[in-house]
Amino acid sequence: MSEIKDLNNGAHGHHGHALRIALAGNPNCGKTTVFNGYTGARQHVGNYPGVTVDKKEGHITVNGTRVTVVDLPGTYSLTAYSQEELVARQELAGDNVQAVINVVDASALERNLLLTVQMLEMGTPVVLSCNMMDEARSSGVHIDMERLSTLLGIPVLPMVARSGEGLKEAMEAAVDLSKKGKREPMRISYGIELDEALLELEKRIVAANLLTDRYLPSWVALKLLEGDDVVLGEAHKADPKTTAELEALRKKTADHVRTTLNANLESLITDHRYGYIRSILRDGIFKQDPGKDRL
């Protein structure tokens, strides 16, 4: 762990706000080990109001910059069906967090990248940390991180949290990103019908300034199309008339998709996210040597 000692000592009396950098990832990706690696004994556990989810934070200094490391609850998705997802999303969706270190199990990239894509759709600055690289290497897994970085448009770095490998690099990359502010949201295709509906929703959301002080318009459009209760509730409170019009548009799209594709909007959107992930990984990014056992 010696290599990140210098992240930890010193400056506690600086003026100004600390950067908030979150750790996000699926359950069992090794995120807790990463959090402990950064914060050591200097962490405290509180709780989020109204839910039973722990709020874990720790304070460190990175090359003179004060950073609060926020350990988000482990989730596979940000659909806000569970308290964990809701908490993670609330931290990410507002401007509460300036960058995210997304810890993924290097041997299970496809499943892990669903969360990554959802954060990128929010415009969150993300560093992708391929953790458990020791296990991946010994099972013959190769990841072309440079190419993955180019395709996703974010830093992609190796990590072995158990030994401390890559912790310092990931945190420094996150601090760099956080200084650049919100990024352009990732826009993937969800199929022609949904893409057209999203553009129309987004146009109306921008025109009415609906929740645009809080979220990116493209993300609000996506959440409304997914039928997200939380965002819908916020939209209703802010502007009932516009929201009713947007809901009518959503219903029209949903009916059309049900009759033509026999699918619902939310599962269709998830399918397209996975399609996008698979198309990237098919590009020779993720290889496993023959004869090595799958993990």
C-alpha atoms as a PDB file:
ATOM      1  CA  MET A   1       0.000   0.000   0.000  1.00  0.00           C
ATOM      2  CA  SER A   2       3.032   2.272   0.248  1.00  0.00           C
ATOM      3  CA  GLU A   3       2.448   3.852  -3.132  1.00  0.00           C
ATOM      4  CA  ILE A   4      -0.601   5.802  -2.008  1.00  0.00           C
ATOM      5  CA  LYS A   5       0.746   6.985   1.328  1.00  0.00           C
ATOM      6  CA  ASP A   6       1.422  10.382  -0.231  1.00  0.00           C
ATOM      7  CA  LEU A   7      -2.272  10.690  -1.087  1.00  0.00           C
ATOM      8  CA  ASN A   8      -3.098  10.533   2.578  1.00  0.00           C
ATOM      9  CA  ASN A   9      -0.894  12.836   4.552  1.00  0.00           C
ATOM     10  CA  GLY A  10      -0.896  16.547   4.996  1.00  0.00           C
ATOM     11  CA  ALA A  11      -3.204  19.377   4.213  1.00  0.00           C
ATOM     12  CA  HIS A  12      -6.291  19.353   6.346  1.00  0.00           C
ATOM     13  CA  GLY A  13      -6.504  23.096   6.836  1.00  0.00           C
ATOM     14  CA  HIS A  14      -6.929  24.234   3.233  1.00  0.00           C
ATOM     15  CA  HIS A  15      -9.651  26.697   2.322  1.00  0.00           C
ATOM     16  CA  GLY A  16     -12.266  25.924  -0.305  1.00  0.00           C
ATOM     17  CA  HIS A  17     -14.367  22.855  -0.881  1.00  0.00           C
ATOM     18  CA  ALA A  18     -12.937  19.414  -1.317  1.00  0.00           C
ATOM     19  CA  LEU A  19     -13.632  17.648  -4.590  1.00  0.00           C
ATOM     20  CA  ARG A  20     -16.146  14.841  -4.211  1.00  0.00           C
ATOM     21  CA  ILE A  21     -15.048  11.743  -6.085  1.00  0.00           C
ATOM     22  CA  ALA A  22     -17.280   8.685  -5.933  1.00  0.00           C
ATOM     23  CA  LEU A  23     -16.510   4.996  -6.224  1.00  0.00           C
ATOM     24  CA  ALA A  24     -19.187   3.145  -8.163  1.00  0.00           C
ATOM     25  CA  GLY A  25     -19.484  -0.462  -9.232  1.00  0.00           C
ATOM     26  CA  ASN A  26     -21.416  -3.714  -9.172  1.00  0.00           C
ATOM     27  CA  PRO A  27     -21.557  -5.770  -5.990  1.00  0.00           C
ATOM     28  CA  ASN A  28     -18.467  -8.041  -5.772  1.00  0.00           C
ATOM     29  CA  CYS A  29     -16.201  -5.893  -7.949  1.00  0.00           C
ATOM     30  CA  GLY A  30     -13.776  -5.256  -5.082  1.00  0.00           C
ATOM     31  CA  LYS A  31     -14.943  -1.692  -4.484  1.00  0.00           C
ATOM     32  CA  THR A  32     -14.758  -1.911  -0.673  1.00  0.00           C
ATOM     33  CA  THR A  33     -11.083  -2.891  -0.911  1.00  0.00           C
ATOM     34  CA  VAL A  34     -10.540   0.158  -3.158  1.00  0.00           C
ATOM     35  CA  PHE A  35     -12.296   2.447  -0.669  1.00  0.00           C
ATOM     36  CA  ASN A  36     -10.244   1.069   2.229  1.00  0.00           C
ATOM     37  CA  GLY A  37      -7.100   1.409   0.116  1.00  0.00           C
ATOM     38  CA  TYR A  38      -7.767   5.125  -0.336  1.00  0.00           C
ATOM     39  CA  THR A  39      -9.148   6.089   3.035  1.00  0.00           C
ATOM     40  CA  GLY A  40      -7.642   3.579   5.472  1.00  0.00           C
ATOM     41  CA  ALA A  41      -8.906   4.349   8.961  1.00  0.00           C
ATOM     42  CA  ARG A  42      -9.942   7.870   7.990  1.00  0.00           C
ATOM     43  CA  GLN A  43     -13.452   7.005   6.910  1.00  0.00           C
ATOM     44  CA  HIS A  44     -16.800   7.559   8.503  1.00  0.00           C
ATOM     45  CA  VAL A  45     -20.144   5.901   8.015  1.00  0.00           C
ATOM     46  CA  GLY A  46     -23.310   7.955   8.266  1.00  0.00           C
ATOM     47  CA  ASN A  47     -26.625   7.294   6.617  1.00  0.00           C
ATOM     48  CA  TYR A  48     -28.644   8.723   3.767  1.00  0.00           C
ATOM     49  CA  PRO A  49     -31.857  10.397   4.939  1.00  0.00           C
ATOM     50  CA  GLY A  50     -34.988   8.263   4.607  1.00  0.00           C
ATOM     51  CA  VAL A  51     -33.228   5.044   3.574  1.00  0.00           C
ATOM     52  CA  THR A  52     -31.337   2.269   5.340  1.00  0.00           C
ATOM     53  CA  VAL A  53     -28.268   2.572   3.103  1.00  0.00           C
ATOM     54  CA  ASP A  54     -24.922   3.449   4.716  1.00  0.00           C
ATOM     55  CA  LYS A  55     -23.213   6.643   3.607  1.00  0.00           C
ATOM     56  CA  LYS A  56     -19.472   5.926   3.557  1.00  0.00           C
ATOM     57  CA  GLU A  57     -16.998   8.767   3.023  1.00  0.00           C
ATOM     58  CA  GLY A  58     -13.338   9.432   3.698  1.00  0.00           C
ATOM     59  CA  HIS A  59     -11.073  12.457   3.289  1.00  0.00           C
ATOM     60  CA  ILE A  60      -7.720  12.341   1.547  1.00  0.00           C
ATOM     61  CA  THR A  61      -5.291  14.730  -0.129  1.00  0.00           C
ATOM     62  CA  VAL A  62      -4.119  14.044  -3.676  1.00  0.00           C
ATOM     63  CA  ASN A  63      -1.069  16.056  -4.723  1.00  0.00           C
ATOM     64  CA  GLY A  64      -2.281  18.998  -2.640  1.00  0.00           C
ATOM     65  CA  THR A  65      -5.950  18.712  -3.659  1.00  0.00           C
ATOM     66  CA  ARG A  66      -8.453  17.845  -0.943  1.00  0.00           C
ATOM     67  CA  VAL A  67     -10.742  15.003  -1.958  1.00  0.00           C
ATOM     68  CA  THR A  68     -13.747  13.466  -0.265  1.00  0.00           C
ATOM     69  CA  VAL A  69     -14.017   9.865  -1.439  1.00  0.00           C
ATOM     70  CA  VAL A  70     -17.649   8.715  -1.491  1.00  0.00           C
ATOM     71  CA  ASP A  71     -18.283   4.964  -1.578  1.00  0.00           C
ATOM     72  CA  LEU A  72     -21.584   4.538  -3.422  1.00  0.00           C
ATOM     73  CA  PRO A  73     -23.622   1.411  -2.699  1.00  0.00           C
ATOM     74  CA  GLY A  74     -22.899  -1.429  -5.132  1.00  0.00           C
ATOM     75  CA  THR A  75     -25.483  -1.635  -7.934  1.00  0.00           C
ATOM     76  CA  TYR A  76     -25.826  -3.278 -11.335  1.00  0.00           C
ATOM     77  CA  SER A  77     -27.939  -0.470 -12.720  1.00  0.00           C
ATOM     78  CA  LEU A  78     -29.296   3.019 -12.008  1.00  0.00           C
ATOM     79  CA  THR A  79     -32.979   2.353 -12.609  1.00  0.00           C
ATOM     80  CA  ALA A  80     -33.942   3.456  -9.059  1.00  0.00           C
ATOM     81  CA  TYR A  81     -35.848   0.297  -8.171  1.00  0.00           C
ATOM     82  CA  SER A  82     -33.839  -0.325  -5.017  1.00  0.00           C
ATOM     83  CA  GLN A  83     -32.717   2.033  -2.263  1.00  0.00           C
ATOM     84  CA  GLU A  84     -29.114   1.404  -3.306  1.00  0.00           C
ATOM     85  CA  GLU A  85     -29.805   2.429  -6.902  1.00  0.00           C
ATOM     86  CA  LEU A  86     -31.732   5.483  -5.785  1.00  0.00           C
ATOM     87  CA  VAL A  87     -28.955   6.639  -3.461  1.00  0.00           C
ATOM     88  CA  ALA A  88     -26.240   6.045  -6.067  1.00  0.00           C
ATOM     89  CA  ARG A  89     -28.223   7.917  -8.667  1.00  0.00           C
ATOM     90  CA  GLN A  90     -29.045  10.882  -6.455  1.00  0.00           C
ATOM     91  CA  GLU A  91     -25.350  11.321  -5.699  1.00  0.00           C
ATOM     92  CA  LEU A  92     -24.497  11.145  -9.410  1.00  0.00           C
ATOM     93  CA  ALA A  93     -27.390  13.008 -10.995  1.00  0.00           C
ATOM     94  CA  GLY A  94     -27.118  16.274  -9.135  1.00  0.00           C
ATOM     95  CA  ASP A  95     -23.790  18.060  -9.139  1.00  0.00           C
ATOM     96  CA  ASN A  96     -22.883  16.358  -5.872  1.00  0.00           C
ATOM     97  CA  VAL A  97     -19.988  14.406  -7.345  1.00  0.00           C
ATOM     98  CA  GLN A  98     -17.309  15.828  -9.660  1.00  0.00           C
ATOM     99  CA  ALA A  99     -15.966  12.512 -10.982  1.00  0.00           C
ATOM    100  CA  VAL A 100     -16.405   8.769 -10.559  1.00  0.00           C
ATOM    101  CA  ILE A 101     -13.968   5.899 -10.345  1.00  0.00           C
ATOM    102  CA  ASN A 102     -16.022   3.048 -11.767  1.00  0.00           C
ATOM    103  CA  VAL A 103     -14.539  -0.171 -10.365  1.00  0.00           C
ATOM    104  CA  VAL A 104     -15.271  -3.167 -12.601  1.00  0.00           C
ATOM    105  CA  ASP A 105     -14.403  -6.846 -12.386  1.00  0.00           C
ATOM    106  CA  ALA A 106     -11.980  -7.145 -15.312  1.00  0.00           C
ATOM    107  CA  SER A 107     -13.133 -10.723 -15.990  1.00  0.00           C
ATOM    108  CA  ALA A 108     -16.814  -9.769 -16.309  1.00  0.00           C
ATOM    109  CA  LEU A 109     -16.664  -6.590 -18.374  1.00  0.00           C
ATOM    110  CA  GLU A 110     -19.923  -7.049 -20.285  1.00  0.00           C
ATOM    111  CA  ARG A 111     -22.118  -7.301 -17.194  1.00  0.00           C
ATOM    112  CA  ASN A 112     -20.176  -4.544 -15.415  1.00  0.00           C
ATOM    113  CA  LEU A 113     -20.329  -2.010 -18.250  1.00  0.00           C
ATOM    114  CA  LEU A 114     -24.115  -1.593 -18.039  1.00  0.00           C
ATOM    115  CA  LEU A 115     -23.596   0.692 -15.047  1.00  0.00           C
ATOM    116  CA  THR A 116     -20.772   2.505 -16.865  1.00  0.00           C
ATOM    117  CA  VAL A 117     -22.944   3.259 -19.897  1.00  0.00           C
ATOM    118  CA  GLN A 118     -25.735   4.583 -17.672  1.00  0.00           C
ATOM    119  CA  MET A 119     -23.327   6.944 -15.924  1.00  0.00           C
ATOM    120  CA  LEU A 120     -21.962   8.138 -19.270  1.00  0.00           C
ATOM    121  CA  GLU A 121     -25.526   8.787 -20.455  1.00  0.00           C
ATOM    122  CA  MET A 122     -25.808  11.131 -17.447  1.00  0.00           C
ATOM    123  CA  GLY A 123     -22.720  13.067 -18.523  1.00  0.00           C
ATOM    124  CA  THR A 124     -20.780  11.881 -15.472  1.00  0.00           C
ATOM    125  CA  PRO A 125     -16.971  12.132 -15.769  1.00  0.00           C
ATOM    126  CA  VAL A 126     -15.874   8.491 -15.332  1.00  0.00           C
ATOM    127  CA  VAL A 127     -12.546   6.703 -14.921  1.00  0.00           C
ATOM    128  CA  LEU A 128     -12.949   2.990 -15.651  1.00  0.00           C
ATOM    129  CA  SER A 129     -10.791   0.868 -13.332  1.00  0.00           C
ATOM    130  CA  CYS A 130     -10.436  -2.753 -14.438  1.00  0.00           C
ATOM    131  CA  ASN A 131      -9.960  -4.332 -11.027  1.00  0.00           C
ATOM    132  CA  MET A 132      -8.909  -7.901 -10.138  1.00  0.00           C
ATOM    133  CA  MET A 133      -6.470  -7.794 -13.049  1.00  0.00           C
ATOM    134  CA  ASP A 134      -4.369 -10.436 -11.278  1.00  0.00           C
ATOM    135  CA  GLU A 135      -7.238 -12.951 -11.544  1.00  0.00           C
ATOM    136  CA  ALA A 136      -7.996 -11.874 -15.107  1.00  0.00           C
ATOM    137  CA  ARG A 137      -4.350 -12.293 -16.146  1.00  0.00           C
ATOM    138  CA  SER A 138      -4.069 -15.732 -14.574  1.00  0.00           C
ATOM    139  CA  SER A 139      -7.213 -16.897 -16.375  1.00  0.00           C
ATOM    140  CA  GLY A 140      -5.767 -15.703 -19.695  1.00  0.00           C
ATOM    141  CA  VAL A 141      -7.933 -12.592 -20.103  1.00  0.00           C
ATOM    142  CA  HIS A 142      -6.488  -9.718 -22.157  1.00  0.00           C
ATOM    143  CA  ILE A 143      -8.130  -6.289 -22.282  1.00  0.00           C
ATOM    144  CA  ASP A 144      -7.029  -3.703 -24.832  1.00  0.00           C
ATOM    145  CA  MET A 145      -7.458  -0.768 -22.470  1.00  0.00           C
ATOM    146  CA  GLU A 146      -6.201   1.872 -24.874  1.00  0.00           C
ATOM    147  CA  ARG A 147      -8.710   0.854 -27.508  1.00  0.00           C
ATOM    148  CA  LEU A 148     -11.520   0.608 -24.951  1.00  0.00           C
ATOM    149  CA  SER A 149     -10.569   4.062 -23.713  1.00  0.00           C
ATOM    150  CA  THR A 150     -10.765   5.457 -27.257  1.00  0.00           C
ATOM    151  CA  LEU A 151     -14.155   3.875 -27.938  1.00  0.00           C
ATOM    152  CA  LEU A 152     -15.740   4.941 -24.635  1.00  0.00           C
ATOM    153  CA  GLY A 153     -13.987   8.325 -24.564  1.00  0.00           C
ATOM    154  CA  ILE A 154     -12.837   7.880 -20.943  1.00  0.00           C
ATOM    155  CA  PRO A 155      -9.640   6.814 -19.148  1.00  0.00           C
ATOM    156  CA  VAL A 156      -9.422   3.009 -18.725  1.00  0.00           C
ATOM    157  CA  LEU A 157      -6.797   1.745 -16.270  1.00  0.00           C
ATOM    158  CA  PRO A 158      -5.695  -1.565 -14.723  1.00  0.00           C
ATOM    159  CA  MET A 159      -6.078  -2.123 -10.983  1.00  0.00           C
ATOM    160  CA  VAL A 160      -5.373  -4.774  -8.369  1.00  0.00           C
ATOM    161  CA  ALA A 161      -6.916  -3.204  -5.279  1.00  0.00           C
ATOM    162  CA  ARG A 162      -5.741  -6.010  -2.980  1.00  0.00           C
ATOM    163  CA  SER A 163      -2.099  -5.106  -3.617  1.00  0.00           C
ATOM    164  CA  GLY A 164      -2.649  -1.389  -4.208  1.00  0.00           C
ATOM    165  CA  GLU A 165      -1.723  -1.570  -7.890  1.00  0.00           C
ATOM    166  CA  GLY A 166      -3.389   1.222  -9.887  1.00  0.00           C
ATOM    167  CA  LEU A 167      -5.072   3.028  -6.974  1.00  0.00           C
ATOM    168  CA  LYS A 168      -2.908   6.137  -7.241  1.00  0.00           C
ATOM    169  CA  GLU A 169      -3.266   6.343 -11.052  1.00  0.00           C
ATOM    170  CA  ALA A 170      -7.054   6.002 -10.937  1.00  0.00           C
ATOM    171  CA  MET A 171      -7.435   8.729  -8.305  1.00  0.00           C
ATOM    172  CA  GLU A 172      -5.114  11.115 -10.159  1.00  0.00           C
ATOM    173  CA  ALA A 173      -7.050  10.525 -13.395  1.00  0.00           C
ATOM    174  CA  ALA A 174     -10.336  11.204 -11.555  1.00  0.00           C
ATOM    175  CA  VAL A 175      -8.999  14.447 -10.074  1.00  0.00           C
ATOM    176  CA  ASP A 176      -7.891  15.549 -13.570  1.00  0.00           C
ATOM    177  CA  LEU A 177     -11.320  14.755 -15.017  1.00  0.00           C
ATOM    178  CA  SER A 178     -13.168  16.505 -12.207  1.00  0.00           C
ATOM    179  CA  LYS A 179     -11.450  19.757 -13.100  1.00  0.00           C
ATOM    180  CA  LYS A 180     -12.889  19.611 -16.614  1.00  0.00           C
ATOM    181  CA  GLY A 181     -16.517  19.628 -15.441  1.00  0.00           C
ATOM    182  CA  LYS A 182     -19.545  17.791 -16.822  1.00  0.00           C
ATOM    183  CA  ARG A 183     -18.975  16.048 -20.122  1.00  0.00           C
ATOM    184  CA  GLU A 184     -21.085  15.575 -23.209  1.00  0.00           C
ATOM    185  CA  PRO A 185     -23.504  12.748 -22.487  1.00  0.00           C
ATOM    186  CA  MET A 186     -22.948   9.476 -24.312  1.00  0.00           C
ATOM    187  CA  ARG A 187     -25.667   9.038 -26.928  1.00  0.00           C
ATOM    188  CA  ILE A 188     -26.196   5.539 -28.174  1.00  0.00           C
ATOM    189  CA  SER A 189     -28.898   4.467 -30.591  1.00  0.00           C
ATOM    190  CA  TYR A 190     -31.944   2.836 -29.017  1.00  0.00           C
ATOM    191  CA  GLY A 191     -33.438   2.050 -32.399  1.00  0.00           C
ATOM    192  CA  ILE A 192     -35.064   4.448 -34.854  1.00  0.00           C
ATOM    193  CA  GLU A 193     -38.455   4.825 -33.107  1.00  0.00           C
ATOM    194  CA  LEU A 194     -36.940   5.537 -29.714  1.00  0.00           C
ATOM    195  CA  ASP A 195     -34.232   7.824 -31.087  1.00  0.00           C
ATOM    196  CA  GLU A 196     -36.871   9.997 -32.759  1.00  0.00           C
ATOM    197  CA  ALA A 197     -39.040  10.080 -29.645  1.00  0.00           C
ATOM    198  CA  LEU A 198     -36.032  11.021 -27.491  1.00  0.00           C
ATOM    199  CA  LEU A 199     -35.093  13.919 -29.757  1.00  0.00           C
ATOM    200  CA  GLU A 200     -38.648  15.224 -29.615  1.00  0.00           C
ATOM    201  CA  LEU A 201     -38.787  14.846 -25.805  1.00  0.00           C
ATOM    202  CA  GLU A 202     -35.426  16.535 -25.407  1.00  0.00           C
ATOM    203  CA  LYS A 203     -36.467  19.467 -27.616  1.00  0.00           C
ATOM    204  CA  ARG A 204     -39.576  20.062 -25.509  1.00  0.00           C
ATOM    205  CA  ILE A 205     -37.671  19.631 -22.236  1.00  0.00           C
ATOM    206  CA  VAL A 206     -35.160  22.288 -23.324  1.00  0.00           C
ATOM    207  CA  ALA A 207     -37.920  24.635 -24.512  1.00  0.00           C
ATOM    208  CA  ALA A 208     -39.757  24.350 -21.173  1.00  0.00           C
ATOM    209  CA  ASN A 209     -36.555  24.318 -19.079  1.00  0.00           C
ATOM    210  CA  LEU A 210     -37.910  21.218 -17.387  1.00  0.00           C
ATOM    211  CA  LEU A 211     -35.514  20.131 -14.585  1.00  0.00           C
ATOM    212  CA  THR A 212     -32.629  21.484 -16.685  1.00  0.00           C
ATOM    213  CA  ASP A 213     -31.208  23.251 -13.612  1.00  0.00           C
ATOM    214  CA  ARG A 214     -30.672  19.795 -12.111  1.00  0.00           C
ATOM    215  CA  TYR A 215     -30.092  17.318 -14.943  1.00  0.00           C
ATOM    216  CA  LEU A 216     -29.026  17.098 -18.580  1.00  0.00           C
ATOM    217  CA  PRO A 217     -32.067  17.392 -20.897  1.00  0.00           C
ATOM    218  CA  SER A 218     -31.080  14.235 -22.787  1.00  0.00           C
ATOM    219  CA  TRP A 219     -31.040  12.308 -19.504  1.00  0.00           C
ATOM    220  CA  VAL A 220     -34.444  13.634 -18.418  1.00  0.00           C
ATOM    221  CA  ALA A 221     -35.786  12.545 -21.834  1.00  0.00           C
ATOM    222  CA  LEU A 222     -34.308   9.072 -21.377  1.00  0.00           C
ATOM    223  CA  LYS A 223     -35.726   8.714 -17.858  1.00  0.00           C
ATOM    224  CA  LEU A 224     -39.184   9.862 -18.957  1.00  0.00           C
ATOM    225  CA  LEU A 225     -39.113   7.388 -21.829  1.00  0.00           C
ATOM    226  CA  GLU A 226     -38.099   4.637 -19.404  1.00  0.00           C
ATOM    227  CA  GLY A 227     -41.071   5.620 -17.257  1.00  0.00           C
ATOM    228  CA  ASP A 228     -38.877   6.446 -14.290  1.00  0.00           C
ATOM    229  CA  ASP A 229     -41.178   7.242 -11.351  1.00  0.00           C
ATOM    230  CA  VAL A 230     -38.697   9.432  -9.510  1.00  0.00           C
ATOM    231  CA  VAL A 231     -37.885  11.764 -12.404  1.00  0.00           C
ATOM    232  CA  LEU A 232     -41.534  11.749 -13.478  1.00  0.00           C
ATOM    233  CA  GLY A 233     -42.548  12.853  -9.990  1.00  0.00           C
ATOM    234  CA  GLU A 234     -40.013  15.677 -10.036  1.00  0.00           C
ATOM    235  CA  ALA A 235     -41.167  16.756 -13.501  1.00  0.00           C
ATOM    236  CA  HIS A 236     -44.831  16.790 -12.441  1.00  0.00           C
ATOM    237  CA  LYS A 237     -44.006  18.958  -9.472  1.00  0.00           C
ATOM    238  CA  ALA A 238     -42.002  21.390 -11.617  1.00  0.00           C
ATOM    239  CA  ASP A 239     -44.314  21.694 -14.638  1.00  0.00           C
ATOM    240  CA  PRO A 240     -47.490  19.565 -14.699  1.00  0.00           C
ATOM    241  CA  LYS A 241     -48.637  20.811 -18.116  1.00  0.00           C
ATOM    242  CA  THR A 242     -45.420  20.041 -20.032  1.00  0.00           C
ATOM    243  CA  THR A 243     -45.031  16.741 -18.193  1.00  0.00           C
ATOM    244  CA  ALA A 244     -48.538  15.648 -19.236  1.00  0.00           C
ATOM    245  CA  GLU A 245     -47.667  16.405 -22.882  1.00  0.00           C
ATOM    246  CA  LEU A 246     -44.426  14.443 -22.583  1.00  0.00           C
ATOM    247  CA  GLU A 247     -46.265  11.529 -20.997  1.00  0.00           C
ATOM    248  CA  ALA A 248     -48.712  11.474 -23.907  1.00  0.00           C
ATOM    249  CA  LEU A 249     -45.751  11.276 -26.282  1.00  0.00           C
ATOM    250  CA  ARG A 250     -44.240   8.483 -24.213  1.00  0.00           C
ATOM    251  CA  LYS A 251     -47.504   6.530 -24.260  1.00  0.00           C
ATOM    252  CA  LYS A 252     -47.771   6.877 -28.017  1.00  0.00           C
ATOM    253  CA  THR A 253     -44.214   5.551 -28.422  1.00  0.00           C
ATOM    254  CA  ALA A 254     -44.849   2.739 -25.940  1.00  0.00           C
ATOM    255  CA  ASP A 255     -48.010   1.634 -27.761  1.00  0.00           C
ATOM    256  CA  HIS A 256     -46.213   1.690 -31.094  1.00  0.00           C
ATOM    257  CA  VAL A 257     -43.297  -0.363 -29.751  1.00  0.00           C
ATOM    258  CA  ARG A 258     -45.673  -2.837 -28.132  1.00  0.00           C
ATOM    259  CA  THR A 259     -47.566  -3.481 -31.365  1.00  0.00           C
ATOM    260  CA  THR A 260     -44.564  -3.510 -33.736  1.00  0.00           C
ATOM    261  CA  LEU A 261     -41.853  -5.098 -31.578  1.00  0.00           C
ATOM    262  CA  ASN A 262     -43.858  -6.728 -28.792  1.00  0.00           C
ATOM    263  CA  ALA A 263     -41.558  -5.080 -26.237  1.00  0.00           C
ATOM    264  CA  ASN A 264     -41.745  -2.489 -23.494  1.00  0.00           C
ATOM    265  CA  LEU A 265     -39.684   0.692 -23.598  1.00  0.00           C
ATOM    266  CA  GLU A 266     -37.547   0.036 -20.574  1.00  0.00           C
ATOM    267  CA  SER A 267     -36.418  -3.439 -21.635  1.00  0.00           C
ATOM    268  CA  LEU A 268     -35.828  -2.176 -25.178  1.00  0.00           C
ATOM    269  CA  ILE A 269     -33.547   0.569 -23.885  1.00  0.00           C
ATOM    270  CA  THR A 270     -31.621  -1.936 -21.735  1.00  0.00           C
ATOM    271  CA  ASP A 271     -31.287  -4.284 -24.737  1.00  0.00           C
ATOM    272  CA  HIS A 272     -29.776  -1.490 -26.815  1.00  0.00           C
ATOM    273  CA  ARG A 273     -27.351  -0.613 -24.031  1.00  0.00           C
ATOM    274  CA  TYR A 274     -26.161  -4.217 -23.966  1.00  0.00           C
ATOM    275  CA  GLY A 275     -26.027  -4.273 -27.765  1.00  0.00           C
ATOM    276  CA  TYR A 276     -23.758  -1.247 -27.674  1.00  0.00           C
ATOM    277  CA  ILE A 277     -21.528  -2.871 -25.016  1.00  0.00           C
ATOM    278  CA  ARG A 278     -21.272  -6.119 -26.988  1.00  0.00           C
ATOM    279  CA  SER A 279     -20.414  -4.291 -30.188  1.00  0.00           C
ATOM    280  CA  ILE A 280     -17.524  -2.582 -28.391  1.00  0.00           C
ATOM    281  CA  LEU A 281     -16.246  -5.774 -26.758  1.00  0.00           C
ATOM    282  CA  ARG A 282     -16.522  -7.667 -30.050  1.00  0.00           C
ATOM    283  CA  ASP A 283     -13.993  -5.230 -31.429  1.00  0.00           C
ATOM    284  CA  GLY A 284     -11.153  -7.419 -30.072  1.00  0.00           C
ATOM    285  CA  ILE A 285     -11.122  -5.517 -26.791  1.00  0.00           C
ATOM    286  CA  PHE A 286     -11.713  -8.517 -24.545  1.00  0.00           C
ATOM    287  CA  LYS A 287      -9.890 -11.758 -25.360  1.00  0.00           C
ATOM    288  CA  GLN A 288      -9.363 -14.947 -23.452  1.00  0.00           C
ATOM    289  CA  ASP A 289      -6.621 -17.435 -24.259  1.00  0.00           C
ATOM    290  CA  PRO A 290      -7.960 -20.805 -25.408  1.00  0.00           C
ATOM    291  CA  GLY A 291      -7.548 -23.620 -22.921  1.00  0.00           C
ATOM    292  CA  LYS A 292      -7.857 -21.364 -19.905  1.00  0.00           C
ATOM    293  CA  ASP A 293     -10.912 -21.989 -17.754  1.00  0.00           C
ATOM    294  CA  ARG A 294     -13.594 -19.354 -17.719  1.00  0.00           C
ATOM    295  CA  LEU A 295     -13.690 -17.788 -14.291  1.00  0.00           C
END
